[in-house]
C-alpha atoms as a PDB file:
ATOM      1  CA  MET A   1      31.055  -1.019 -32.299  1.00  0.00           C
ATOM      2  CA  HIS A   2      28.590  -3.427 -29.853  1.00  0.00           C
ATOM      3  CA  ARG A   3      30.352  -2.448 -26.659  1.00  0.00           C
ATOM      4  CA  ILE A   4      27.973   0.627 -25.755  1.00  0.00           C
ATOM      5  CA  PRO A   5      24.963  -1.127 -26.446  1.00  0.00           C
ATOM      6  CA  ALA A   6      26.293  -3.844 -24.150  1.00  0.00           C
ATOM      7  CA  LEU A   7      27.335  -1.309 -21.287  1.00  0.00           C
ATOM      8  CA  LEU A   8      24.290   0.170 -21.092  1.00  0.00           C
ATOM      9  CA  LEU A   9      22.712  -3.296 -21.028  1.00  0.00           C
ATOM     10  CA  LEU A  10      25.151  -4.038 -18.281  1.00  0.00           C
ATOM     11  CA  LEU A  11      24.027  -1.111 -16.287  1.00  0.00           C
ATOM     12  CA  ALA A  12      20.039  -1.746 -16.737  1.00  0.00           C
ATOM     13  CA  GLY A  13      20.953  -4.998 -15.315  1.00  0.00           C
ATOM     14  CA  THR A  14      22.740  -3.931 -12.480  1.00  0.00           C
ATOM     15  CA  GLY A  15      19.129  -1.719 -11.404  1.00  0.00           C
ATOM     16  CA  LEU A  16      21.425   1.454 -10.773  1.00  0.00           C
ATOM     17  CA  PRO A  17      19.681   4.395 -12.271  1.00  0.00           C
ATOM     18  CA  LEU A  18      20.507   5.902 -15.368  1.00  0.00           C
ATOM     19  CA  THR A  19      19.215   9.482 -14.159  1.00  0.00           C
ATOM     20  CA  ALA A  20      19.100  11.377 -11.227  1.00  0.00           C
ATOM     21  CA  ALA A  21      15.919  11.364 -10.456  1.00  0.00           C
ATOM     22  CA  ALA A  22      14.353  12.113  -7.152  1.00  0.00           C
ATOM     23  CA  GLN A  23      12.985   8.642  -5.253  1.00  0.00           C
ATOM     24  CA  VAL A  24      10.841   8.434  -2.200  1.00  0.00           C
ATOM     25  CA  LYS A  25      12.106   6.809   0.504  1.00  0.00           C
ATOM     26  CA  ARG A  26      10.052   5.194   3.362  1.00  0.00           C
ATOM     27  CA  CYS A  27      11.334   5.964   7.209  1.00  0.00           C
ATOM     28  CA  SER A  28      10.408   4.697  10.355  1.00  0.00           C
ATOM     29  CA  THR A  29      10.625   7.429  13.026  1.00  0.00           C
ATOM     30  CA  GLN A  30      11.986   5.660  16.617  1.00  0.00           C
ATOM     31  CA  ASP A  31       8.518   6.476  17.889  1.00  0.00           C
ATOM     32  CA  GLY A  32       7.156   3.890  15.105  1.00  0.00           C
ATOM     33  CA  GLY A  33       5.719   6.570  12.616  1.00  0.00           C
ATOM     34  CA  LEU A  34       6.028   6.540   8.985  1.00  0.00           C
ATOM     35  CA  VAL A  35       8.221   9.601   6.617  1.00  0.00           C
ATOM     36  CA  TYR A  36       8.222   9.739   3.178  1.00  0.00           C
ATOM     37  CA  THR A  37      10.960  11.892   2.545  1.00  0.00           C
ATOM     38  CA  ASP A  38      13.582  11.918  -0.837  1.00  0.00           C
ATOM     39  CA  ARG A  39      16.398  12.727   1.971  1.00  0.00           C
ATOM     40  CA  LYS A  40      18.519   9.679   3.279  1.00  0.00           C
ATOM     41  CA  CYS A  41      16.597   8.353   6.634  1.00  0.00           C
ATOM     42  CA  GLU A  42      19.416   8.944   8.573  1.00  0.00           C
ATOM     43  CA  ASP A  43      19.687  12.519   7.749  1.00  0.00           C
ATOM     44  CA  ILE A  44      16.369  12.911   9.411  1.00  0.00           C
ATOM     45  CA  GLY A  45      17.006  10.484  12.222  1.00  0.00           C
ATOM     46  CA  ALA A  46      14.930   7.493  10.948  1.00  0.00           C
ATOM     47  CA  ARG A  47      15.567   4.005   9.045  1.00  0.00           C
ATOM     48  CA  GLU A  48      14.768   3.220   5.753  1.00  0.00           C
ATOM     49  CA  ARG A  49      11.401   1.000   5.746  1.00  0.00           C
ATOM     50  CA  LEU A  50      11.564  -1.166   2.661  1.00  0.00           C
ATOM     51  CA  PRO A  51       8.644  -1.950   1.213  1.00  0.00           C
ATOM     52  CA  PRO A  52       6.943  -5.569   1.407  1.00  0.00           C
ATOM     53  CA  PRO A  53       8.617  -7.987  -1.741  1.00  0.00           C
ATOM     54  CA  VAL A  54       7.008  -8.476  -5.117  1.00  0.00           C
ATOM     55  CA  THR A  55       5.798 -11.825  -6.127  1.00  0.00           C
ATOM     56  CA  THR A  56       6.373 -11.209  -9.632  1.00  0.00           C
ATOM     57  CA  SER A  57       8.625 -12.977 -12.388  1.00  0.00           C
ATOM     58  CA  GLY A  58       9.202 -12.170 -15.746  1.00  0.00           C
ATOM     59  CA  GLY A  59       5.585 -10.031 -15.486  1.00  0.00           C
ATOM     60  CA  ALA A  60       3.747 -12.689 -14.212  1.00  0.00           C
ATOM     61  CA  TYR A  61       2.876 -13.118 -10.686  1.00  0.00           C
ATOM     62  CA  LEU A  62       3.686 -16.527  -8.723  1.00  0.00           C
ATOM     63  CA  ARG A  63       0.789 -17.347  -6.902  1.00  0.00           C
ATOM     64  CA  ARG A  64      -2.598 -15.969  -6.928  1.00  0.00           C
ATOM     65  CA  ASN A  65      -4.453 -16.018  -4.015  1.00  0.00           C
ATOM     66  CA  VAL A  66      -7.947 -17.361  -3.900  1.00  0.00           C
ATOM     67  CA  CYS A  67      -9.140 -16.128  -0.527  1.00  0.00           C
ATOM     68  CA  ALA A  68      -6.743 -14.251   1.459  1.00  0.00           C
ATOM     69  CA  ARG A  69      -7.578 -15.533   4.918  1.00  0.00           C
ATOM     70  CA  SER A  70      -6.272 -12.639   7.049  1.00  0.00           C
ATOM     71  CA  ILE A  71      -6.107  -9.134   6.263  1.00  0.00           C
ATOM     72  CA  GLN A  72      -2.370  -9.597   6.619  1.00  0.00           C
ATOM     73  CA  ASP A  73      -2.443 -11.328   3.567  1.00  0.00           C
ATOM     74  CA  LEU A  74      -5.074  -9.281   1.710  1.00  0.00           C
ATOM     75  CA  SER A  75      -2.781  -6.170   2.633  1.00  0.00           C
ATOM     76  CA  HIS A  76       0.444  -8.079   1.153  1.00  0.00           C
ATOM     77  CA  SER A  77      -1.549  -8.990  -1.518  1.00  0.00           C
ATOM     78  CA  LEU A  78      -3.042  -5.579  -2.541  1.00  0.00           C
ATOM     79  CA  SER A  79       0.666  -4.281  -2.548  1.00  0.00           C
ATOM     80  CA  SER A  80       1.898  -6.747  -5.121  1.00  0.00           C
ATOM     81  CA  ALA A  81      -0.629  -6.269  -7.077  1.00  0.00           C
ATOM     82  CA  ILE A  82      -0.513  -2.588  -7.177  1.00  0.00           C
ATOM     83  CA  GLN A  83       2.923  -2.829  -7.801  1.00  0.00           C
ATOM     84  CA  SER A  84       2.314  -5.297 -10.612  1.00  0.00           C
ATOM     85  CA  GLY A  85      -0.055  -2.197 -12.479  1.00  0.00           C
ATOM     86  CA  ASP A  86      -1.988  -4.525 -13.320  1.00  0.00           C
ATOM     87  CA  ALA A  87      -5.623  -3.526 -12.551  1.00  0.00           C
ATOM     88  CA  ASN A  88      -7.065  -6.897 -12.987  1.00  0.00           C
ATOM     89  CA  ARG A  89      -5.254  -8.421 -10.232  1.00  0.00           C
ATOM     90  CA  ILE A  90      -6.380  -5.633  -7.789  1.00  0.00           C
ATOM     91  CA  ALA A  91      -9.746  -6.660  -9.452  1.00  0.00           C
ATOM     92  CA  GLY A  92      -9.206 -10.339  -8.062  1.00  0.00           C
ATOM     93  CA  LEU A  93      -9.088  -9.018  -4.545  1.00  0.00           C
ATOM     94  CA  PHE A  94     -12.322  -7.225  -4.755  1.00  0.00           C
ATOM     95  CA  ASP A  95     -16.110  -8.183  -3.623  1.00  0.00           C
ATOM     96  CA  TRP A  96     -17.964  -8.050  -6.743  1.00  0.00           C
ATOM     97  CA  ALA A  97     -21.246  -9.957  -5.524  1.00  0.00           C
ATOM     98  CA  GLY A  98     -23.884  -7.787  -5.785  1.00  0.00           C
ATOM     99  CA  MET A  99     -22.385  -5.233  -8.091  1.00  0.00           C
ATOM    100  CA  GLY A 100     -24.362  -4.423 -11.544  1.00  0.00           C
ATOM    101  CA  THR A 101     -22.473  -3.887 -14.613  1.00  0.00           C
ATOM    102  CA  THR A 102     -22.180   0.113 -14.629  1.00  0.00           C
ATOM    103  CA  ALA A 103     -20.726   0.222 -11.113  1.00  0.00           C
ATOM    104  CA  ALA A 104     -18.512  -2.637 -11.670  1.00  0.00           C
ATOM    105  CA  ASN A 105     -17.558  -0.276 -14.887  1.00  0.00           C
ATOM    106  CA  ARG A 106     -16.642   2.717 -12.946  1.00  0.00           C
ATOM    107  CA  VAL A 107     -14.625   0.449 -10.131  1.00  0.00           C
ATOM    108  CA  MET A 108     -12.672  -1.308 -12.892  1.00  0.00           C
ATOM    109  CA  ASP A 109     -11.833   2.631 -14.594  1.00  0.00           C
ATOM    110  CA  ARG A 110     -10.911   3.263 -10.595  1.00  0.00           C
ATOM    111  CA  LEU A 111      -8.660   0.228 -10.607  1.00  0.00           C
ATOM    112  CA  GLU A 112      -6.990   1.418 -13.769  1.00  0.00           C
ATOM    113  CA  LEU A 113      -5.880   4.536 -12.415  1.00  0.00           C
ATOM    114  CA  ILE A 114      -4.344   2.996  -9.063  1.00  0.00           C
ATOM    115  CA  ALA A 115      -2.941   0.336 -10.894  1.00  0.00           C
ATOM    116  CA  SER A 116      -1.140   3.101 -13.136  1.00  0.00           C
ATOM    117  CA  ARG A 117       0.551   4.663 -10.099  1.00  0.00           C
ATOM    118  CA  THR A 118       3.474   4.064  -8.334  1.00  0.00           C
ATOM    119  CA  LEU A 119       2.874   2.095  -4.856  1.00  0.00           C
ATOM    120  CA  VAL A 120       4.637   3.785  -1.702  1.00  0.00           C
ATOM    121  CA  ASP A 121       2.801   1.766   1.180  1.00  0.00           C
ATOM    122  CA  VAL A 122      -0.474   0.484   1.898  1.00  0.00           C
ATOM    123  CA  GLN A 123      -1.726   1.302   5.705  1.00  0.00           C
ATOM    124  CA  PRO A 124      -4.456   0.122   7.846  1.00  0.00           C
ATOM    125  CA  VAL A 125      -7.580   2.447   8.166  1.00  0.00           C
ATOM    126  CA  TYR A 126      -9.139   2.493  11.606  1.00  0.00           C
ATOM    127  CA  ALA A 127     -13.161   3.294  12.391  1.00  0.00           C
ATOM    128  CA  GLY A 128     -13.156   6.550  14.412  1.00  0.00           C
ATOM    129  CA  SER A 129      -9.779   7.193  14.099  1.00  0.00           C
ATOM    130  CA  ALA A 130      -7.293   7.428  11.691  1.00  0.00           C
ATOM    131  CA  THR A 131      -4.555   5.498  13.666  1.00  0.00           C
ATOM    132  CA  PRO A 132      -4.916   3.512  16.767  1.00  0.00           C
ATOM    133  CA  ASP A 133      -2.247   6.211  18.238  1.00  0.00           C
ATOM    134  CA  ASP A 134      -5.235   8.679  17.703  1.00  0.00           C
ATOM    135  CA  ASP A 135      -7.353   7.043  20.593  1.00  0.00           C
ATOM    136  CA  VAL A 136      -5.896   9.038  23.475  1.00  0.00           C
ATOM    137  CA  ALA A 137      -5.951   7.533  26.855  1.00  0.00           C
ATOM    138  CA  THR A 138      -8.378   9.555  29.209  1.00  0.00           C
ATOM    139  CA  PHE A 139      -8.743   9.588  33.103  1.00  0.00           C
ATOM    140  CA  ASP A 140     -11.771   9.748  35.219  1.00  0.00           C
ATOM    141  CA  PRO A 141     -11.899  13.148  36.655  1.00  0.00           C
ATOM    142  CA  ASP A 142     -12.835  11.710  40.305  1.00  0.00           C
ATOM    143  CA  THR A 143     -11.229   8.879  41.148  1.00  0.00           C
ATOM    144  CA  GLY A 144      -7.394   9.765  38.512  1.00  0.00           C
ATOM    145  CA  GLN A 145      -8.107   6.118  37.234  1.00  0.00           C
ATOM    146  CA  LEU A 146      -7.457   5.543  33.111  1.00  0.00           C
ATOM    147  CA  LEU A 147     -10.612   4.502  31.451  1.00  0.00           C
ATOM    148  CA  GLN A 148     -10.793   1.826  29.538  1.00  0.00           C
ATOM    149  CA  ARG A 149     -11.654   2.359  25.669  1.00  0.00           C
ATOM    150  CA  ALA A 150     -12.041  -0.335  22.961  1.00  0.00           C
ATOM    151  CA  ALA A 151      -9.600  -0.456  20.622  1.00  0.00           C
ATOM    152  CA  PRO A 152     -10.278   1.298  17.249  1.00  0.00           C
ATOM    153  CA  ARG A 153     -11.271  -1.322  14.724  1.00  0.00           C
ATOM    154  CA  LEU A 154      -9.482  -2.349  11.300  1.00  0.00           C
ATOM    155  CA  ALA A 155     -11.780  -0.793   8.590  1.00  0.00           C
ATOM    156  CA  GLY A 156      -9.913  -0.498   5.424  1.00  0.00           C
ATOM    157  CA  LEU A 157      -6.324  -0.168   3.510  1.00  0.00           C
ATOM    158  CA  ARG A 158      -5.000   2.620   2.299  1.00  0.00           C
ATOM    159  CA  ALA A 159      -2.509   2.469  -0.642  1.00  0.00           C
ATOM    160  CA  GLU A 160       0.050   5.416  -0.875  1.00  0.00           C
ATOM    161  CA  GLN A 161       0.963   6.298  -3.716  1.00  0.00           C
ATOM    162  CA  ILE A 162       2.535   8.353  -5.905  1.00  0.00           C
ATOM    163  CA  GLN A 163       1.171  10.236  -9.162  1.00  0.00           C
ATOM    164  CA  ALA A 164       2.720   9.883 -12.885  1.00  0.00           C
ATOM    165  CA  ASN A 165       4.690  13.111 -12.266  1.00  0.00           C
ATOM    166  CA  GLY A 166       6.853  11.551  -9.786  1.00  0.00           C
ATOM    167  CA  HIS A 167       6.539  13.570  -6.546  1.00  0.00           C
ATOM    168  CA  THR A 168       2.826  14.350  -6.135  1.00  0.00           C
ATOM    169  CA  PRO A 169       1.188  11.788  -3.468  1.00  0.00           C
ATOM    170  CA  SER A 170      -2.144  10.351  -3.928  1.00  0.00           C
ATOM    171  CA  GLN A 171      -4.265   7.815  -1.486  1.00  0.00           C
ATOM    172  CA  ALA A 172      -6.783   5.068  -2.569  1.00  0.00           C
ATOM    173  CA  THR A 173      -8.976   3.598   0.491  1.00  0.00           C
ATOM    174  CA  PHE A 174     -10.568   0.363   0.195  1.00  0.00           C
ATOM    175  CA  TRP A 175     -12.456  -0.802   2.995  1.00  0.00           C
ATOM    176  CA  LEU A 176     -12.861  -4.102   4.000  1.00  0.00           C
ATOM    177  CA  ARG A 177     -15.224  -7.059   3.831  1.00  0.00           C
ATOM    178  CA  GLN A 178     -15.563 -10.512   5.430  1.00  0.00           C
ATOM    179  CA  ARG A 179     -17.118 -12.975   3.176  1.00  0.00           C
ATOM    180  CA  MET A 180     -17.219 -17.252   3.110  1.00  0.00           C
ATOM    181  CA  GLY A 181     -14.092 -17.325   5.502  1.00  0.00           C
ATOM    182  CA  CYS A 182     -11.851 -14.711   3.166  1.00  0.00           C
ATOM    183  CA  TRP A 183     -11.506 -11.146   3.487  1.00  0.00           C
ATOM    184  CA  TRP A 184     -12.304  -8.900   0.442  1.00  0.00           C
ATOM    185  CA  LEU A 185     -11.946  -5.675  -0.524  1.00  0.00           C
ATOM    186  CA  HIS A 186     -14.839  -2.838  -2.055  1.00  0.00           C
ATOM    187  CA  LEU A 187     -15.079   0.764  -2.273  1.00  0.00           C
END
């Protein structure tokens, strides 16, 4: 009589899906691009790109970043905060300086919505172009020499997400601000 519930608990503990639902996979192409698909990455000539590890244990996160000293730390913390589904963790990465109550309530409402969605990836956002690859090289027409261009400046982080229906993509863009030696998010 207790074997079926025990079997269900055993299956749930293995991490195997109990239903056949489509999953979004993140695949890296040979040229370094990122493709989202519900097929195997190998079927489209790419390899699977795993999300960053979650730093949670039993619903509580293991460490709290008081100050992200680099944009990489901020990006990882944002990924972990969204994966936890806790808007307060995302809010801990946010620069609240000078914000009034009404504006802060609007931001928290937006963070609640972001926390409720499934994270696919966090991508950099560059000023002046969508990615550094969009900055196409140009040549001087007279000499034929390559013109030097300034590298695009990293301006923000974009959370690529899936809405609650399981297949509609969604994006949330956070801009970067450095204050007191730390990197912070703002909208």
